[in-house]
Amino acid sequence: MAVPKRKTTKSKRNMRRAHDRLSVEGWVEDQNTGEPKRRHHIDLKTGTYKGKQIIDARS
């Protein structure tokens, strides 16, 4: 069975865990309504994407 020869330092352990954090969602302000919306997603309130009407707006 493989056993480490040396103790892993706190620095090395924390560097290994640096990628385990939660990713931040990309929220931007909508140019038309001024409300926050997710990037590269259809705005479900207005039904637009990149300034084009994609689906019917919710009432």
PDB file of N, CA and C in Angstrom:
ATOM      1  N   MET A   1       0.841  -1.178   0.000  1.00  0.00           N
ATOM      2  CA  MET A   1       0.000   0.000   0.000  1.00  0.00           C
ATOM      3  C   MET A   1       0.887   1.242   0.000  1.00  0.00           C
ATOM      4  N   ALA A   2       0.522   2.229  -0.795  1.00  0.00           N
ATOM      5  CA  ALA A   2       1.317   3.446  -0.898  1.00  0.00           C
ATOM      6  C   ALA A   2       1.091   4.338   0.320  1.00  0.00           C
ATOM      7  N   VAL A   3       2.203   4.758   0.920  1.00  0.00           N
ATOM      8  CA  VAL A   3       2.154   5.634   2.085  1.00  0.00           C
ATOM      9  C   VAL A   3       3.071   6.814   1.818  1.00  0.00           C
ATOM     10  N   PRO A   4       2.593   8.061   2.048  1.00  0.00           N
ATOM     11  CA  PRO A   4       3.460   9.213   1.810  1.00  0.00           C
ATOM     12  C   PRO A   4       4.668   9.228   2.743  1.00  0.00           C
ATOM     13  N   LYS A   5       5.823   9.636   2.194  1.00  0.00           N
ATOM     14  CA  LYS A   5       7.039   9.689   3.001  1.00  0.00           C
ATOM     15  C   LYS A   5       7.051  10.886   3.934  1.00  0.00           C
ATOM     16  N   ARG A   6       6.462  11.978   3.481  1.00  0.00           N
ATOM     17  CA  ARG A   6       6.482  13.219   4.263  1.00  0.00           C
ATOM     18  C   ARG A   6       5.058  13.719   4.468  1.00  0.00           C
ATOM     19  N   LYS A   7       4.897  14.486   5.527  1.00  0.00           N
ATOM     20  CA  LYS A   7       3.598  15.105   5.802  1.00  0.00           C
ATOM     21  C   LYS A   7       3.326  16.197   4.767  1.00  0.00           C
ATOM     22  N   THR A   8       2.110  16.248   4.264  1.00  0.00           N
ATOM     23  CA  THR A   8       1.735  17.311   3.333  1.00  0.00           C
ATOM     24  C   THR A   8       1.539  18.596   4.125  1.00  0.00           C
ATOM     25  N   THR A   9       2.225  19.651   3.717  1.00  0.00           N
ATOM     26  CA  THR A   9       2.139  20.908   4.446  1.00  0.00           C
ATOM     27  C   THR A   9       0.793  21.585   4.219  1.00  0.00           C
ATOM     28  N   LYS A  10       0.460  22.510   5.100  1.00  0.00           N
ATOM     29  CA  LYS A  10      -0.799  23.253   4.970  1.00  0.00           C
ATOM     30  C   LYS A  10      -0.821  24.031   3.660  1.00  0.00           C
ATOM     31  N   SER A  11       0.333  24.529   3.268  1.00  0.00           N
ATOM     32  CA  SER A  11       0.422  25.299   2.027  1.00  0.00           C
ATOM     33  C   SER A  11       0.105  24.429   0.811  1.00  0.00           C
ATOM     34  N   LYS A  12       0.712  23.257   0.731  1.00  0.00           N
ATOM     35  CA  LYS A  12       0.466  22.362  -0.401  1.00  0.00           C
ATOM     36  C   LYS A  12      -0.984  21.875  -0.408  1.00  0.00           C
ATOM     37  N   ARG A  13      -1.510  21.552   0.768  1.00  0.00           N
ATOM     38  CA  ARG A  13      -2.899  21.092   0.868  1.00  0.00           C
ATOM     39  C   ARG A  13      -3.850  22.177   0.379  1.00  0.00           C
ATOM     40  N   ASN A  14      -3.624  23.420   0.807  1.00  0.00           N
ATOM     41  CA  ASN A  14      -4.500  24.516   0.411  1.00  0.00           C
ATOM     42  C   ASN A  14      -4.356  24.867  -1.064  1.00  0.00           C
ATOM     43  N   MET A  15      -3.149  24.706  -1.630  1.00  0.00           N
ATOM     44  CA  MET A  15      -2.978  24.948  -3.061  1.00  0.00           C
ATOM     45  C   MET A  15      -3.738  23.906  -3.880  1.00  0.00           C
ATOM     46  N   ARG A  16      -3.766  22.667  -3.399  1.00  0.00           N
ATOM     47  CA  ARG A  16      -4.493  21.624  -4.085  1.00  0.00           C
ATOM     48  C   ARG A  16      -5.990  21.896  -4.051  1.00  0.00           C
ATOM     49  N   ARG A  17      -6.471  22.468  -2.977  1.00  0.00           N
ATOM     50  CA  ARG A  17      -7.895  22.740  -2.806  1.00  0.00           C
ATOM     51  C   ARG A  17      -8.325  24.066  -3.442  1.00  0.00           C
ATOM     52  N   ALA A  18      -7.426  24.756  -4.091  1.00  0.00           N
ATOM     53  CA  ALA A  18      -7.733  26.075  -4.640  1.00  0.00           C
ATOM     54  C   ALA A  18      -8.819  26.015  -5.710  1.00  0.00           C
ATOM     55  N   HIS A  19      -8.978  24.880  -6.384  1.00  0.00           N
ATOM     56  CA  HIS A  19      -9.953  24.767  -7.464  1.00  0.00           C
ATOM     57  C   HIS A  19     -11.286  24.197  -6.995  1.00  0.00           C
ATOM     58  N   ASP A  20     -11.420  23.919  -5.715  1.00  0.00           N
ATOM     59  CA  ASP A  20     -12.642  23.315  -5.192  1.00  0.00           C
ATOM     60  C   ASP A  20     -13.713  24.336  -4.848  1.00  0.00           C
ATOM     61  N   ARG A  21     -13.438  25.608  -5.056  1.00  0.00           N
ATOM     62  CA  ARG A  21     -14.398  26.652  -4.685  1.00  0.00           C
ATOM     63  C   ARG A  21     -15.593  26.630  -5.643  1.00  0.00           C
ATOM     64  N   LEU A  22     -16.673  27.264  -5.230  1.00  0.00           N
ATOM     65  CA  LEU A  22     -17.846  27.387  -6.087  1.00  0.00           C
ATOM     66  C   LEU A  22     -17.596  28.452  -7.138  1.00  0.00           C
ATOM     67  N   SER A  23     -18.049  28.210  -8.337  1.00  0.00           N
ATOM     68  CA  SER A  23     -17.859  29.193  -9.396  1.00  0.00           C
ATOM     69  C   SER A  23     -18.913  30.291  -9.284  1.00  0.00           C
ATOM     70  N   VAL A  24     -18.560  31.478  -9.717  1.00  0.00           N
ATOM     71  CA  VAL A  24     -19.456  32.628  -9.661  1.00  0.00           C
ATOM     72  C   VAL A  24     -20.236  32.705 -10.966  1.00  0.00           C
ATOM     73  N   GLU A  25     -21.551  32.821 -10.854  1.00  0.00           N
ATOM     74  CA  GLU A  25     -22.385  32.967 -12.041  1.00  0.00           C
ATOM     75  C   GLU A  25     -22.184  34.358 -12.640  1.00  0.00           C
ATOM     76  N   GLY A  26     -22.233  34.453 -13.958  1.00  0.00           N
ATOM     77  CA  GLY A  26     -22.055  35.728 -14.632  1.00  0.00           C
ATOM     78  C   GLY A  26     -23.366  36.479 -14.743  1.00  0.00           C
ATOM     79  N   TRP A  27     -23.610  37.419 -13.857  1.00  0.00           N
ATOM     80  CA  TRP A  27     -24.821  38.232 -13.899  1.00  0.00           C
ATOM     81  C   TRP A  27     -24.464  39.605 -14.441  1.00  0.00           C
ATOM     82  N   VAL A  28     -25.297  40.119 -15.342  1.00  0.00           N
ATOM     83  CA  VAL A  28     -25.103  41.452 -15.901  1.00  0.00           C
ATOM     84  C   VAL A  28     -26.424  42.206 -15.830  1.00  0.00           C
ATOM     85  N   GLU A  29     -26.332  43.513 -16.007  1.00  0.00           N
ATOM     86  CA  GLU A  29     -27.535  44.340 -16.008  1.00  0.00           C
ATOM     87  C   GLU A  29     -28.139  44.347 -17.409  1.00  0.00           C
ATOM     88  N   ASP A  30     -29.434  44.089 -17.502  1.00  0.00           N
ATOM     89  CA  ASP A  30     -30.125  44.091 -18.787  1.00  0.00           C
ATOM     90  C   ASP A  30     -30.178  45.520 -19.315  1.00  0.00           C
ATOM     91  N   GLN A  31     -29.852  45.708 -20.576  1.00  0.00           N
ATOM     92  CA  GLN A  31     -29.810  47.054 -21.154  1.00  0.00           C
ATOM     93  C   GLN A  31     -31.189  47.676 -21.281  1.00  0.00           C
ATOM     94  N   ASN A  32     -32.219  46.849 -21.503  1.00  0.00           N
ATOM     95  CA  ASN A  32     -33.560  47.388 -21.688  1.00  0.00           C
ATOM     96  C   ASN A  32     -34.268  47.652 -20.371  1.00  0.00           C
ATOM     97  N   THR A  33     -34.259  46.664 -19.469  1.00  0.00           N
ATOM     98  CA  THR A  33     -35.016  46.789 -18.229  1.00  0.00           C
ATOM     99  C   THR A  33     -34.174  47.236 -17.046  1.00  0.00           C
ATOM    100  N   GLY A  34     -32.864  47.052 -17.109  1.00  0.00           N
ATOM    101  CA  GLY A  34     -31.999  47.427 -16.000  1.00  0.00           C
ATOM    102  C   GLY A  34     -31.958  46.386 -14.886  1.00  0.00           C
ATOM    103  N   GLU A  35     -32.639  45.257 -15.077  1.00  0.00           N
ATOM    104  CA  GLU A  35     -32.651  44.203 -14.070  1.00  0.00           C
ATOM    105  C   GLU A  35     -31.487  43.245 -14.307  1.00  0.00           C
ATOM    106  N   PRO A  36     -31.010  42.576 -13.250  1.00  0.00           N
ATOM    107  CA  PRO A  36     -29.926  41.606 -13.456  1.00  0.00           C
ATOM    108  C   PRO A  36     -30.429  40.378 -14.204  1.00  0.00           C
ATOM    109  N   LYS A  37     -29.589  39.865 -15.112  1.00  0.00           N
ATOM    110  CA  LYS A  37     -29.923  38.651 -15.852  1.00  0.00           C
ATOM    111  C   LYS A  37     -28.642  37.869 -16.073  1.00  0.00           C
ATOM    112  N   ARG A  38     -28.777  36.564 -16.308  1.00  0.00           N
ATOM    113  CA  ARG A  38     -27.617  35.724 -16.548  1.00  0.00           C
ATOM    114  C   ARG A  38     -27.121  35.921 -17.969  1.00  0.00           C
ATOM    115  N   ARG A  39     -25.806  35.911 -18.108  1.00  0.00           N
ATOM    116  CA  ARG A  39     -25.216  36.093 -19.435  1.00  0.00           C
ATOM    117  C   ARG A  39     -25.522  34.897 -20.324  1.00  0.00           C
ATOM    118  N   HIS A  40     -25.716  35.148 -21.598  1.00  0.00           N
ATOM    119  CA  HIS A  40     -25.934  34.127 -22.625  1.00  0.00           C
ATOM    120  C   HIS A  40     -27.193  33.297 -22.361  1.00  0.00           C
ATOM    121  N   HIS A  41     -28.206  33.903 -21.729  1.00  0.00           N
ATOM    122  CA  HIS A  41     -29.474  33.230 -21.490  1.00  0.00           C
ATOM    123  C   HIS A  41     -30.611  34.125 -21.972  1.00  0.00           C
ATOM    124  N   ILE A  42     -31.699  33.517 -22.342  1.00  0.00           N
ATOM    125  CA  ILE A  42     -32.875  34.268 -22.774  1.00  0.00           C
ATOM    126  C   ILE A  42     -33.496  34.950 -21.565  1.00  0.00           C
ATOM    127  N   ASP A  43     -33.893  36.209 -21.721  1.00  0.00           N
ATOM    128  CA  ASP A  43     -34.621  36.919 -20.675  1.00  0.00           C
ATOM    129  C   ASP A  43     -36.069  36.460 -20.749  1.00  0.00           C
ATOM    130  N   LEU A  44     -36.514  35.691 -19.752  1.00  0.00           N
ATOM    131  CA  LEU A  44     -37.846  35.090 -19.803  1.00  0.00           C
ATOM    132  C   LEU A  44     -38.961  36.119 -19.641  1.00  0.00           C
ATOM    133  N   LYS A  45     -38.691  37.267 -19.017  1.00  0.00           N
ATOM    134  CA  LYS A  45     -39.733  38.279 -18.851  1.00  0.00           C
ATOM    135  C   LYS A  45     -40.091  38.921 -20.186  1.00  0.00           C
ATOM    136  N   THR A  46     -39.073  39.255 -20.967  1.00  0.00           N
ATOM    137  CA  THR A  46     -39.324  39.914 -22.243  1.00  0.00           C
ATOM    138  C   THR A  46     -39.260  38.950 -23.426  1.00  0.00           C
ATOM    139  N   GLY A  47     -38.607  37.797 -23.256  1.00  0.00           N
ATOM    140  CA  GLY A  47     -38.497  36.818 -24.325  1.00  0.00           C
ATOM    141  C   GLY A  47     -37.465  37.180 -25.369  1.00  0.00           C
ATOM    142  N   THR A  48     -36.498  38.015 -25.007  1.00  0.00           N
ATOM    143  CA  THR A  48     -35.496  38.451 -25.978  1.00  0.00           C
ATOM    144  C   THR A  48     -34.134  37.844 -25.675  1.00  0.00           C
ATOM    145  N   TYR A  49     -33.327  37.751 -26.717  1.00  0.00           N
ATOM    146  CA  TYR A  49     -31.936  37.317 -26.603  1.00  0.00           C
ATOM    147  C   TYR A  49     -31.142  38.094 -27.644  1.00  0.00           C
ATOM    148  N   LYS A  50     -30.135  38.816 -27.197  1.00  0.00           N
ATOM    149  CA  LYS A  50     -29.316  39.662 -28.064  1.00  0.00           C
ATOM    150  C   LYS A  50     -30.167  40.648 -28.860  1.00  0.00           C
ATOM    151  N   GLY A  51     -31.210  41.182 -28.221  1.00  0.00           N
ATOM    152  CA  GLY A  51     -32.049  42.183 -28.860  1.00  0.00           C
ATOM    153  C   GLY A  51     -33.075  41.639 -29.828  1.00  0.00           C
ATOM    154  N   LYS A  52     -33.159  40.323 -29.983  1.00  0.00           N
ATOM    155  CA  LYS A  52     -34.140  39.724 -30.891  1.00  0.00           C
ATOM    156  C   LYS A  52     -35.214  38.998 -30.089  1.00  0.00           C
ATOM    157  N   GLN A  53     -36.463  39.083 -30.549  1.00  0.00           N
ATOM    158  CA  GLN A  53     -37.570  38.409 -29.885  1.00  0.00           C
ATOM    159  C   GLN A  53     -37.506  36.919 -30.215  1.00  0.00           C
ATOM    160  N   ILE A  54     -37.305  36.082 -29.204  1.00  0.00           N
ATOM    161  CA  ILE A  54     -37.167  34.643 -29.404  1.00  0.00           C
ATOM    162  C   ILE A  54     -38.454  33.913 -29.038  1.00  0.00           C
ATOM    163  N   ILE A  55     -39.004  34.214 -27.872  1.00  0.00           N
ATOM    164  CA  ILE A  55     -40.231  33.565 -27.403  1.00  0.00           C
ATOM    165  C   ILE A  55     -41.208  34.645 -26.987  1.00  0.00           C
ATOM    166  N   ASP A  56     -42.468  34.253 -26.799  1.00  0.00           N
ATOM    167  CA  ASP A  56     -43.484  35.210 -26.341  1.00  0.00           C
ATOM    168  C   ASP A  56     -43.170  35.639 -24.917  1.00  0.00           C
ATOM    169  N   ALA A  57     -43.377  36.903 -24.619  1.00  0.00           N
ATOM    170  CA  ALA A  57     -43.115  37.433 -23.294  1.00  0.00           C
ATOM    171  C   ALA A  57     -44.128  36.907 -22.292  1.00  0.00           C
ATOM    172  N   ARG A  58     -43.681  36.712 -21.045  1.00  0.00           N
ATOM    173  CA  ARG A  58     -44.597  36.280 -19.989  1.00  0.00           C
ATOM    174  C   ARG A  58     -45.445  37.451 -19.548  1.00  0.00           C
ATOM    175  N   SER A  59     -46.682  37.164 -19.209  1.00  0.00           N
ATOM    176  CA  SER A  59     -47.582  38.228 -18.759  1.00  0.00           C
ATOM    177  C   SER A  59     -47.692  38.245 -17.263  1.00  0.00           C
TER     178      SER A  59
END
